[in-house]
C-alpha atoms as a PDB file:
ATOM      1  CA  UNK A   1     -19.058  64.728 167.385  1.00  0.00           C
ATOM      2  CA  UNK A   2     -16.411  67.424 167.141  1.00  0.00           C
ATOM      3  CA  UNK A   3     -14.522  68.353 170.308  1.00  0.00           C
ATOM      4  CA  UNK A   4     -13.801  72.001 171.050  1.00  0.00           C
ATOM      5  CA  UNK A   5     -10.580  72.578 173.022  1.00  0.00           C
ATOM      6  CA  UNK A   6     -10.462  75.041 175.943  1.00  0.00           C
ATOM      7  CA  UNK A   7     -10.083  78.682 174.934  1.00  0.00           C
ATOM      8  CA  UNK A   8      -6.740  80.472 175.109  1.00  0.00           C
ATOM      9  CA  UNK A   9      -6.496  83.194 177.748  1.00  0.00           C
ATOM     10  CA  UNK A  10      -3.968  85.917 178.471  1.00  0.00           C
ATOM     11  CA  UNK A  11      -1.021  84.550 180.453  1.00  0.00           C
ATOM     12  CA  UNK A  12      -1.582  80.914 179.393  1.00  0.00           C
ATOM     13  CA  UNK A  13       1.296  78.593 178.568  1.00  0.00           C
ATOM     14  CA  UNK A  14       2.036  77.916 174.890  1.00  0.00           C
ATOM     15  CA  UNK A  15       3.917  74.750 173.979  1.00  0.00           C
ATOM     16  CA  UNK A  16       6.449  75.128 171.157  1.00  0.00           C
ATOM     17  CA  UNK A  17       7.218  72.105 168.971  1.00  0.00           C
ATOM     18  CA  UNK A  18       8.995  71.534 165.674  1.00  0.00           C
ATOM     19  CA  UNK A  19       7.113  68.819 163.805  1.00  0.00           C
ATOM     20  CA  UNK A  20       8.571  69.007 160.311  1.00  0.00           C
ATOM     21  CA  UNK A  21      11.558  70.869 158.953  1.00  0.00           C
ATOM     22  CA  UNK A  22      14.046  72.613 161.254  1.00  0.00           C
ATOM     23  CA  UNK A  23      13.996  76.335 161.885  1.00  0.00           C
ATOM     24  CA  UNK A  24      17.023  78.518 162.659  1.00  0.00           C
ATOM     25  CA  UNK A  25      17.534  78.736 166.424  1.00  0.00           C
ATOM     26  CA  UNK A  26      17.841  82.514 166.339  1.00  0.00           C
ATOM     27  CA  UNK A  27      14.468  82.812 164.605  1.00  0.00           C
ATOM     28  CA  UNK A  28      12.878  80.471 167.148  1.00  0.00           C
ATOM     29  CA  UNK A  29      14.275  82.514 170.031  1.00  0.00           C
ATOM     30  CA  UNK A  30      13.119  85.800 168.480  1.00  0.00           C
ATOM     31  CA  UNK A  31       9.572  84.488 168.037  1.00  0.00           C
ATOM     32  CA  UNK A  32       9.464  83.063 171.548  1.00  0.00           C
ATOM     33  CA  UNK A  33      10.560  86.431 172.921  1.00  0.00           C
ATOM     34  CA  UNK A  34       7.712  88.046 170.980  1.00  0.00           C
ATOM     35  CA  UNK A  35       5.214  85.606 172.504  1.00  0.00           C
ATOM     36  CA  UNK A  36       6.519  86.355 175.981  1.00  0.00           C
ATOM     37  CA  UNK A  37       6.227  90.048 175.223  1.00  0.00           C
ATOM     38  CA  UNK A  38       2.538  89.445 174.488  1.00  0.00           C
ATOM     39  CA  UNK A  39       2.131  88.101 178.008  1.00  0.00           C
ATOM     40  CA  UNK A  40       2.259  84.354 177.419  1.00  0.00           C
ATOM     41  CA  UNK A  41       4.328  81.725 179.160  1.00  0.00           C
ATOM     42  CA  UNK A  42       6.250  79.320 176.930  1.00  0.00           C
ATOM     43  CA  UNK A  43       7.246  75.675 177.208  1.00  0.00           C
ATOM     44  CA  UNK A  44       9.797  74.435 174.675  1.00  0.00           C
ATOM     45  CA  UNK A  45       9.786  70.856 173.389  1.00  0.00           C
ATOM     46  CA  UNK A  46      12.963  68.807 173.786  1.00  0.00           C
ATOM     47  CA  UNK A  47      13.609  68.607 170.051  1.00  0.00           C
ATOM     48  CA  UNK A  48      12.547  72.083 168.937  1.00  0.00           C
ATOM     49  CA  UNK A  49      16.100  73.058 167.994  1.00  0.00           C
ATOM     50  CA  UNK A  50      17.162  69.687 166.534  1.00  0.00           C
ATOM     51  CA  UNK A  51      18.383  69.439 162.960  1.00  0.00           C
ATOM     52  CA  UNK A  52      18.437  66.165 161.060  1.00  0.00           C
ATOM     53  CA  UNK A  53      18.840  67.275 157.451  1.00  0.00           C
ATOM     54  CA  UNK A  54      15.416  68.343 156.205  1.00  0.00           C
ATOM     55  CA  UNK A  55      13.816  67.183 159.469  1.00  0.00           C
ATOM     56  CA  UNK A  56      14.015  68.327 163.059  1.00  0.00           C
ATOM     57  CA  UNK A  57      14.689  65.155 164.998  1.00  0.00           C
ATOM     58  CA  UNK A  58      13.385  61.687 164.191  1.00  0.00           C
ATOM     59  CA  UNK A  59       9.710  60.948 163.588  1.00  0.00           C
ATOM     60  CA  UNK A  60       9.369  59.426 167.069  1.00  0.00           C
ATOM     61  CA  UNK A  61      11.132  62.342 168.748  1.00  0.00           C
ATOM     62  CA  UNK A  62       8.905  64.908 167.091  1.00  0.00           C
ATOM     63  CA  UNK A  63       5.811  62.858 167.941  1.00  0.00           C
ATOM     64  CA  UNK A  64       6.959  62.549 171.564  1.00  0.00           C
ATOM     65  CA  UNK A  65       7.321  66.329 171.774  1.00  0.00           C
ATOM     66  CA  UNK A  66       3.761  66.783 170.548  1.00  0.00           C
ATOM     67  CA  UNK A  67       2.314  64.148 172.890  1.00  0.00           C
ATOM     68  CA  UNK A  68       4.247  65.716 175.759  1.00  0.00           C
ATOM     69  CA  UNK A  69       2.436  68.993 175.165  1.00  0.00           C
ATOM     70  CA  UNK A  70      -0.950  67.279 175.135  1.00  0.00           C
ATOM     71  CA  UNK A  71      -0.020  65.494 178.377  1.00  0.00           C
ATOM     72  CA  UNK A  72       0.969  68.693 180.201  1.00  0.00           C
ATOM     73  CA  UNK A  73      -2.126  70.290 181.792  1.00  0.00           C
ATOM     74  CA  UNK A  74      -0.337  73.655 181.969  1.00  0.00           C
ATOM     75  CA  UNK A  75      -0.070  73.902 178.166  1.00  0.00           C
ATOM     76  CA  UNK A  76      -3.165  75.500 176.595  1.00  0.00           C
ATOM     77  CA  UNK A  77      -1.965  75.929 172.999  1.00  0.00           C
ATOM     78  CA  UNK A  78       0.441  73.849 170.920  1.00  0.00           C
ATOM     79  CA  UNK A  79       2.247  76.032 168.389  1.00  0.00           C
ATOM     80  CA  UNK A  80       4.514  74.391 165.792  1.00  0.00           C
ATOM     81  CA  UNK A  81       7.491  76.493 164.793  1.00  0.00           C
ATOM     82  CA  UNK A  82       6.962  75.940 161.041  1.00  0.00           C
ATOM     83  CA  UNK A  83       5.793  73.405 158.468  1.00  0.00           C
ATOM     84  CA  UNK A  84       8.158  72.420 155.678  1.00  0.00           C
ATOM     85  CA  UNK A  85       8.143  68.651 155.132  1.00  0.00           C
ATOM     86  CA  UNK A  86       7.876  65.517 157.253  1.00  0.00           C
ATOM     87  CA  UNK A  87       4.839  66.136 159.440  1.00  0.00           C
ATOM     88  CA  UNK A  88       3.172  62.987 158.083  1.00  0.00           C
ATOM     89  CA  UNK A  89       6.042  60.995 159.592  1.00  0.00           C
ATOM     90  CA  UNK A  90       4.810  61.611 163.140  1.00  0.00           C
ATOM     91  CA  UNK A  91       1.192  60.553 162.535  1.00  0.00           C
ATOM     92  CA  UNK A  92       1.603  56.803 163.290  1.00  0.00           C
ATOM     93  CA  UNK A  93       3.178  57.601 166.676  1.00  0.00           C
ATOM     94  CA  UNK A  94       0.394  59.779 168.081  1.00  0.00           C
ATOM     95  CA  UNK A  95      -2.121  58.581 170.681  1.00  0.00           C
ATOM     96  CA  UNK A  96      -5.383  59.854 169.215  1.00  0.00           C
ATOM     97  CA  UNK A  97      -7.512  58.422 172.030  1.00  0.00           C
ATOM     98  CA  UNK A  98      -5.412  60.311 174.589  1.00  0.00           C
ATOM     99  CA  UNK A  99      -5.726  63.527 172.576  1.00  0.00           C
ATOM    100  CA  UNK A 100      -9.491  63.042 172.472  1.00  0.00           C
ATOM    101  CA  UNK A 101      -9.582  62.768 176.267  1.00  0.00           C
ATOM    102  CA  UNK A 102      -7.300  65.758 176.815  1.00  0.00           C
ATOM    103  CA  UNK A 103      -8.044  68.182 173.957  1.00  0.00           C
ATOM    104  CA  UNK A 104      -6.214  71.433 173.499  1.00  0.00           C
ATOM    105  CA  UNK A 105      -5.647  74.066 170.861  1.00  0.00           C
ATOM    106  CA  UNK A 106      -3.192  73.496 168.057  1.00  0.00           C
ATOM    107  CA  UNK A 107      -2.576  75.914 165.193  1.00  0.00           C
ATOM    108  CA  UNK A 108      -0.663  75.892 161.925  1.00  0.00           C
ATOM    109  CA  UNK A 109      -0.745  75.648 158.148  1.00  0.00           C
ATOM    110  CA  UNK A 110       1.444  74.434 155.286  1.00  0.00           C
ATOM    111  CA  UNK A 111       2.612  70.862 156.042  1.00  0.00           C
ATOM    112  CA  UNK A 112       0.887  71.093 159.443  1.00  0.00           C
ATOM    113  CA  UNK A 113      -2.286  70.668 157.343  1.00  0.00           C
ATOM    114  CA  UNK A 114      -1.966  66.870 157.454  1.00  0.00           C
ATOM    115  CA  UNK A 115      -1.790  66.935 161.260  1.00  0.00           C
ATOM    116  CA  UNK A 116      -4.761  69.275 161.652  1.00  0.00           C
ATOM    117  CA  UNK A 117      -6.975  67.060 159.517  1.00  0.00           C
ATOM    118  CA  UNK A 118      -5.689  63.827 161.061  1.00  0.00           C
ATOM    119  CA  UNK A 119      -6.441  65.124 164.563  1.00  0.00           C
ATOM    120  CA  UNK A 120      -9.958  66.078 163.512  1.00  0.00           C
ATOM    121  CA  UNK A 121     -10.579  62.766 161.753  1.00  0.00           C
ATOM    122  CA  UNK A 122      -9.016  60.475 164.384  1.00  0.00           C
ATOM    123  CA  UNK A 123      -9.692  62.428 167.604  1.00  0.00           C
ATOM    124  CA  UNK A 124     -12.600  64.671 166.663  1.00  0.00           C
ATOM    125  CA  UNK A 125     -10.518  67.679 167.715  1.00  0.00           C
ATOM    126  CA  UNK A 126     -11.262  71.068 166.166  1.00  0.00           C
ATOM    127  CA  UNK A 127      -7.922  72.595 165.135  1.00  0.00           C
ATOM    128  CA  UNK A 128      -6.890  75.983 163.745  1.00  0.00           C
ATOM    129  CA  UNK A 129      -5.676  76.546 160.209  1.00  0.00           C
ATOM    130  CA  UNK A 130      -3.915  79.679 161.359  1.00  0.00           C
ATOM    131  CA  UNK A 131      -0.610  81.043 162.633  1.00  0.00           C
ATOM    132  CA  UNK A 132       2.676  79.246 163.267  1.00  0.00           C
ATOM    133  CA  UNK A 133       5.378  80.342 165.685  1.00  0.00           C
ATOM    134  CA  UNK A 134       7.273  81.901 162.770  1.00  0.00           C
ATOM    135  CA  UNK A 135       4.403  84.382 162.316  1.00  0.00           C
ATOM    136  CA  UNK A 136       4.750  85.925 165.773  1.00  0.00           C
ATOM    137  CA  UNK A 137       6.774  88.984 164.868  1.00  0.00           C
ATOM    138  CA  UNK A 138       6.316  92.744 164.663  1.00  0.00           C
ATOM    139  CA  UNK A 139       5.845  92.704 160.876  1.00  0.00           C
ATOM    140  CA  UNK A 140       2.785  90.445 161.014  1.00  0.00           C
ATOM    141  CA  UNK A 141      -0.414  92.332 160.054  1.00  0.00           C
ATOM    142  CA  UNK A 142      -2.820  93.046 162.898  1.00  0.00           C
ATOM    143  CA  UNK A 143      -5.520  91.238 160.898  1.00  0.00           C
ATOM    144  CA  UNK A 144      -3.619  87.957 161.307  1.00  0.00           C
ATOM    145  CA  UNK A 145      -3.417  88.322 165.091  1.00  0.00           C
ATOM    146  CA  UNK A 146      -7.051  89.429 165.333  1.00  0.00           C
ATOM    147  CA  UNK A 147      -8.120  86.389 163.352  1.00  0.00           C
ATOM    148  CA  UNK A 148      -5.982  84.036 165.392  1.00  0.00           C
ATOM    149  CA  UNK A 149      -7.003  85.284 168.821  1.00  0.00           C
ATOM    150  CA  UNK A 150     -10.675  85.515 167.848  1.00  0.00           C
ATOM    151  CA  UNK A 151     -10.639  81.869 166.784  1.00  0.00           C
ATOM    152  CA  UNK A 152      -8.560  80.776 169.788  1.00  0.00           C
ATOM    153  CA  UNK A 153     -10.418  82.733 172.460  1.00  0.00           C
ATOM    154  CA  UNK A 154     -13.868  83.884 171.351  1.00  0.00           C
ATOM    155  CA  UNK A 155     -17.079  81.997 172.065  1.00  0.00           C
ATOM    156  CA  UNK A 156     -19.055  84.286 169.736  1.00  0.00           C
ATOM    157  CA  UNK A 157     -20.980  82.607 166.909  1.00  0.00           C
ATOM    158  CA  UNK A 158     -22.035  82.965 164.188  1.00  0.00           C
ATOM    159  CA  UNK A 159     -19.023  84.993 163.096  1.00  0.00           C
ATOM    160  CA  UNK A 160     -17.837  85.915 159.584  1.00  0.00           C
ATOM    161  CA  UNK A 161     -14.552  84.673 158.154  1.00  0.00           C
ATOM    162  CA  UNK A 162     -13.731  87.547 155.823  1.00  0.00           C
ATOM    163  CA  UNK A 163     -10.729  89.071 154.082  1.00  0.00           C
ATOM    164  CA  UNK A 164      -9.177  92.289 155.405  1.00  0.00           C
ATOM    165  CA  UNK A 165      -9.955  95.590 153.644  1.00  0.00           C
ATOM    166  CA  UNK A 166      -6.556  95.451 151.921  1.00  0.00           C
ATOM    167  CA  UNK A 167      -7.589  92.326 149.990  1.00  0.00           C
ATOM    168  CA  UNK A 168     -10.462  91.952 147.484  1.00  0.00           C
ATOM    169  CA  UNK A 169     -13.513  90.241 148.942  1.00  0.00           C
ATOM    170  CA  UNK A 170     -14.151  86.589 148.208  1.00  0.00           C
ATOM    171  CA  UNK A 171     -16.066  85.836 145.036  1.00  0.00           C
ATOM    172  CA  UNK A 172     -18.804  83.270 144.544  1.00  0.00           C
ATOM    173  CA  UNK A 173     -17.893  81.412 141.357  1.00  0.00           C
ATOM    174  CA  UNK A 174     -20.637  78.778 141.509  1.00  0.00           C
ATOM    175  CA  UNK A 175     -23.941  79.883 143.067  1.00  0.00           C
ATOM    176  CA  UNK A 176     -25.565  78.137 145.978  1.00  0.00           C
ATOM    177  CA  UNK A 177     -24.932  77.545 149.655  1.00  0.00           C
ATOM    178  CA  UNK A 178     -23.769  74.718 151.852  1.00  0.00           C
ATOM    179  CA  UNK A 179     -23.276  74.080 155.549  1.00  0.00           C
ATOM    180  CA  UNK A 180     -20.965  71.593 157.207  1.00  0.00           C
ATOM    181  CA  UNK A 181     -17.608  71.095 158.927  1.00  0.00           C
ATOM    182  CA  UNK A 182     -14.712  72.656 157.042  1.00  0.00           C
ATOM    183  CA  UNK A 183     -11.612  70.564 156.324  1.00  0.00           C
ATOM    184  CA  UNK A 184      -8.511  70.829 154.158  1.00  0.00           C
ATOM    185  CA  UNK A 185      -5.728  73.360 153.788  1.00  0.00           C
ATOM    186  CA  UNK A 186      -2.521  73.060 151.788  1.00  0.00           C
ATOM    187  CA  UNK A 187      -3.103  71.205 148.531  1.00  0.00           C
ATOM    188  CA  UNK A 188       0.347  69.591 148.289  1.00  0.00           C
ATOM    189  CA  UNK A 189       0.080  68.229 151.830  1.00  0.00           C
ATOM    190  CA  UNK A 190      -3.430  66.870 151.294  1.00  0.00           C
ATOM    191  CA  UNK A 191      -2.422  65.087 148.099  1.00  0.00           C
ATOM    192  CA  UNK A 192       0.565  63.589 149.907  1.00  0.00           C
ATOM    193  CA  UNK A 193      -1.745  61.940 152.432  1.00  0.00           C
ATOM    194  CA  UNK A 194      -3.991  60.230 149.864  1.00  0.00           C
ATOM    195  CA  UNK A 195      -4.034  56.449 150.167  1.00  0.00           C
ATOM    196  CA  UNK A 196      -3.006  56.580 153.828  1.00  0.00           C
ATOM    197  CA  UNK A 197      -5.122  56.117 156.974  1.00  0.00           C
ATOM    198  CA  UNK A 198      -4.767  59.871 157.531  1.00  0.00           C
ATOM    199  CA  UNK A 199      -6.132  61.220 154.244  1.00  0.00           C
ATOM    200  CA  UNK A 200      -8.680  64.005 154.518  1.00  0.00           C
ATOM    201  CA  UNK A 201     -12.316  62.933 154.806  1.00  0.00           C
ATOM    202  CA  UNK A 202     -14.470  65.279 152.710  1.00  0.00           C
ATOM    203  CA  UNK A 203     -17.789  63.440 153.023  1.00  0.00           C
ATOM    204  CA  UNK A 204     -20.425  66.088 153.731  1.00  0.00           C
ATOM    205  CA  UNK A 205     -17.718  68.669 154.376  1.00  0.00           C
ATOM    206  CA  UNK A 206     -16.704  72.075 153.046  1.00  0.00           C
ATOM    207  CA  UNK A 207     -13.279  71.684 151.411  1.00  0.00           C
ATOM    208  CA  UNK A 208     -10.655  74.423 151.753  1.00  0.00           C
ATOM    209  CA  UNK A 209      -7.671  74.442 149.399  1.00  0.00           C
ATOM    210  CA  UNK A 210      -4.659  76.763 149.102  1.00  0.00           C
ATOM    211  CA  UNK A 211      -1.198  76.437 147.621  1.00  0.00           C
ATOM    212  CA  UNK A 212       2.175  78.147 147.424  1.00  0.00           C
ATOM    213  CA  UNK A 213       5.244  78.234 145.155  1.00  0.00           C
ATOM    214  CA  UNK A 214       3.924  75.782 142.564  1.00  0.00           C
ATOM    215  CA  UNK A 215       3.479  76.397 138.824  1.00  0.00           C
ATOM    216  CA  UNK A 216      -0.126  76.244 137.692  1.00  0.00           C
ATOM    217  CA  UNK A 217       0.389  73.005 135.750  1.00  0.00           C
ATOM    218  CA  UNK A 218       1.534  71.295 138.958  1.00  0.00           C
ATOM    219  CA  UNK A 219      -1.485  72.676 140.808  1.00  0.00           C
ATOM    220  CA  UNK A 220      -3.639  71.212 138.038  1.00  0.00           C
ATOM    221  CA  UNK A 221      -2.048  67.799 138.602  1.00  0.00           C
ATOM    222  CA  UNK A 222      -2.821  67.936 142.330  1.00  0.00           C
ATOM    223  CA  UNK A 223      -6.403  69.083 141.778  1.00  0.00           C
ATOM    224  CA  UNK A 224      -6.977  66.229 139.342  1.00  0.00           C
ATOM    225  CA  UNK A 225      -5.531  63.753 141.836  1.00  0.00           C
ATOM    226  CA  UNK A 226      -7.986  64.947 144.490  1.00  0.00           C
ATOM    227  CA  UNK A 227     -10.754  64.677 141.915  1.00  0.00           C
ATOM    228  CA  UNK A 228      -9.839  61.095 141.017  1.00  0.00           C
ATOM    229  CA  UNK A 229      -9.701  60.246 144.725  1.00  0.00           C
ATOM    230  CA  UNK A 230     -13.327  61.338 145.053  1.00  0.00           C
ATOM    231  CA  UNK A 231     -12.621  64.245 147.367  1.00  0.00           C
ATOM    232  CA  UNK A 232     -14.658  66.735 145.339  1.00  0.00           C
ATOM    233  CA  UNK A 233     -17.494  64.327 144.641  1.00  0.00           C
ATOM    234  CA  UNK A 234     -18.201  63.801 148.338  1.00  0.00           C
ATOM    235  CA  UNK A 235     -17.837  67.400 149.548  1.00  0.00           C
ATOM    236  CA  UNK A 236     -20.733  69.864 149.889  1.00  0.00           C
ATOM    237  CA  UNK A 237     -18.895  73.025 148.902  1.00  0.00           C
ATOM    238  CA  UNK A 238     -15.435  74.390 148.076  1.00  0.00           C
ATOM    239  CA  UNK A 239     -13.390  77.367 149.295  1.00  0.00           C
ATOM    240  CA  UNK A 240     -10.330  78.187 147.204  1.00  0.00           C
ATOM    241  CA  UNK A 241      -7.681  80.184 148.996  1.00  0.00           C
ATOM    242  CA  UNK A 242      -4.756  81.963 147.408  1.00  0.00           C
ATOM    243  CA  UNK A 243      -2.044  80.338 145.332  1.00  0.00           C
ATOM    244  CA  UNK A 244       0.804  82.379 146.787  1.00  0.00           C
ATOM    245  CA  UNK A 245       3.754  82.946 144.471  1.00  0.00           C
ATOM    246  CA  UNK A 246       2.362  80.404 141.997  1.00  0.00           C
ATOM    247  CA  UNK A 247       3.608  81.149 138.500  1.00  0.00           C
ATOM    248  CA  UNK A 248       1.545  80.903 135.331  1.00  0.00           C
ATOM    249  CA  UNK A 249       2.262  77.938 133.065  1.00  0.00           C
ATOM    250  CA  UNK A 250       1.591  77.418 129.357  1.00  0.00           C
ATOM    251  CA  UNK A 251      -0.414  80.628 129.256  1.00  0.00           C
ATOM    252  CA  UNK A 252      -2.713  79.502 132.073  1.00  0.00           C
ATOM    253  CA  UNK A 253      -3.268  81.324 135.369  1.00  0.00           C
ATOM    254  CA  UNK A 254      -4.530  80.086 138.725  1.00  0.00           C
ATOM    255  CA  UNK A 255      -7.886  81.710 137.943  1.00  0.00           C
ATOM    256  CA  UNK A 256      -7.986  79.848 134.619  1.00  0.00           C
ATOM    257  CA  UNK A 257      -7.360  76.630 136.525  1.00  0.00           C
ATOM    258  CA  UNK A 258     -10.264  77.297 138.881  1.00  0.00           C
ATOM    259  CA  UNK A 259     -12.601  78.192 136.011  1.00  0.00           C
ATOM    260  CA  UNK A 260     -11.659  75.119 134.000  1.00  0.00           C
ATOM    261  CA  UNK A 261     -11.364  72.426 136.687  1.00  0.00           C
ATOM    262  CA  UNK A 262     -13.257  73.514 139.836  1.00  0.00           C
ATOM    263  CA  UNK A 263     -16.220  75.475 138.472  1.00  0.00           C
ATOM    264  CA  UNK A 264     -17.477  72.570 136.287  1.00  0.00           C
ATOM    265  CA  UNK A 265     -17.843  70.427 139.426  1.00  0.00           C
ATOM    266  CA  UNK A 266     -21.007  72.408 140.135  1.00  0.00           C
ATOM    267  CA  UNK A 267     -20.423  72.673 143.893  1.00  0.00           C
ATOM    268  CA  UNK A 268     -21.046  76.009 145.682  1.00  0.00           C
ATOM    269  CA  UNK A 269     -17.684  77.726 145.301  1.00  0.00           C
ATOM    270  CA  UNK A 270     -15.988  80.687 146.960  1.00  0.00           C
ATOM    271  CA  UNK A 271     -12.602  81.904 145.724  1.00  0.00           C
ATOM    272  CA  UNK A 272      -9.980  84.318 147.006  1.00  0.00           C
ATOM    273  CA  UNK A 273      -9.866  83.591 150.744  1.00  0.00           C
ATOM    274  CA  UNK A 274      -6.726  85.193 152.222  1.00  0.00           C
ATOM    275  CA  UNK A 275      -5.124  82.417 154.247  1.00  0.00           C
ATOM    276  CA  UNK A 276      -2.066  80.368 155.110  1.00  0.00           C
ATOM    277  CA  UNK A 277       0.938  81.275 152.936  1.00  0.00           C
ATOM    278  CA  UNK A 278      -0.330  84.718 151.930  1.00  0.00           C
ATOM    279  CA  UNK A 279       0.526  87.938 153.757  1.00  0.00           C
ATOM    280  CA  UNK A 280      -2.951  88.030 155.279  1.00  0.00           C
ATOM    281  CA  UNK A 281      -4.104  84.894 157.051  1.00  0.00           C
ATOM    282  CA  UNK A 282      -7.729  84.177 157.903  1.00  0.00           C
ATOM    283  CA  UNK A 283      -8.152  81.744 160.802  1.00  0.00           C
ATOM    284  CA  UNK A 284     -10.192  78.709 159.749  1.00  0.00           C
ATOM    285  CA  UNK A 285     -11.147  76.186 162.457  1.00  0.00           C
ATOM    286  CA  UNK A 286     -10.754  72.739 160.877  1.00  0.00           C
ATOM    287  CA  UNK A 287     -13.722  70.601 161.902  1.00  0.00           C
ATOM    288  CA  UNK A 288     -15.988  73.472 162.920  1.00  0.00           C
ATOM    289  CA  UNK A 289     -19.292  73.989 161.118  1.00  0.00           C
ATOM    290  CA  UNK A 290     -19.340  76.820 158.571  1.00  0.00           C
ATOM    291  CA  UNK A 291     -21.942  78.217 156.193  1.00  0.00           C
ATOM    292  CA  UNK A 292     -20.729  78.871 152.658  1.00  0.00           C
ATOM    293  CA  UNK A 293     -22.906  81.379 150.804  1.00  0.00           C
ATOM    294  CA  UNK A 294     -21.560  81.700 147.277  1.00  0.00           C
ATOM    295  CA  UNK A 295     -24.431  83.951 146.211  1.00  0.00           C
ATOM    296  CA  UNK A 296     -23.303  86.634 148.657  1.00  0.00           C
ATOM    297  CA  UNK A 297     -19.596  85.799 148.756  1.00  0.00           C
ATOM    298  CA  UNK A 298     -19.688  84.953 152.463  1.00  0.00           C
ATOM    299  CA  UNK A 299     -18.141  82.336 154.705  1.00  0.00           C
ATOM    300  CA  UNK A 300     -19.553  82.213 158.234  1.00  0.00           C
ATOM    301  CA  UNK A 301     -18.342  80.274 161.252  1.00  0.00           C
ATOM    302  CA  UNK A 302     -21.489  78.798 162.798  1.00  0.00           C
ATOM    303  CA  UNK A 303     -19.995  77.593 166.085  1.00  0.00           C
ATOM    304  CA  UNK A 304     -17.053  78.639 168.244  1.00  0.00           C
ATOM    305  CA  UNK A 305     -13.827  76.746 167.726  1.00  0.00           C
ATOM    306  CA  UNK A 306     -13.220  76.626 171.489  1.00  0.00           C
ATOM    307  CA  UNK A 307     -15.117  76.181 174.736  1.00  0.00           C
ATOM    308  CA  UNK A 308     -15.058  78.386 177.804  1.00  0.00           C
END
């Protein structure tokens, strides 16, 4: 059974961690100041500012920072500074039973995808495929904040997960409907976890996929790897997010890829969800039950991601 963490309220404490690649200290400080300006308290992990090449601290240090936030009753939301690479390195050092006993909100995307899905699979914790610390700045669209705070604070359900007016509505590519917990996120990160104890479990689930900065032929390779791993066969439906800054390859576009590799699977399919690496970021609670209606181009959250 999925576990809903306590809702985020105004004035709560947000725990800042760096779980993958390092982020410039000035950027971290600017984003923390923005959070404080929104009325939140902030607790900073010991290794948030560390730099160890392409990683921020060792795997154990980053894992200890995360577990420290789960152990602190004052912290209501864990907010990673960024993704990058290396998040999978902390997974063996986490206490999933402890996290199950003391659940709390955690949000992110990109390489944080592997953590979100591992926490849901191993602890039953509903997590948020939504904003990172780096997104808390004046230039962030209001839609992104509205999505984030609705998912993190609202007990209202059912509730639509829909694109903003500035973005074309989602399109149903394969007709039909499906209902189940939604899992997934960044395609590269999900493929990187295959064959490990932390790979995404798509059995009876709705699978969300998005990508960034990859040529279409590389995206094809990753999609085929998921297919060979049985991840499409066992899922009930598919939501394809944007492929942000993905360049065409050999005369093929991202839409061609979807038409030629995803549509033939015959699963109810929605395309064009604004999320993660795009300018506009829908908040998708990983592990929460959603209803995918490809006939009407709708994705609906059927239960709140949090509890009061």
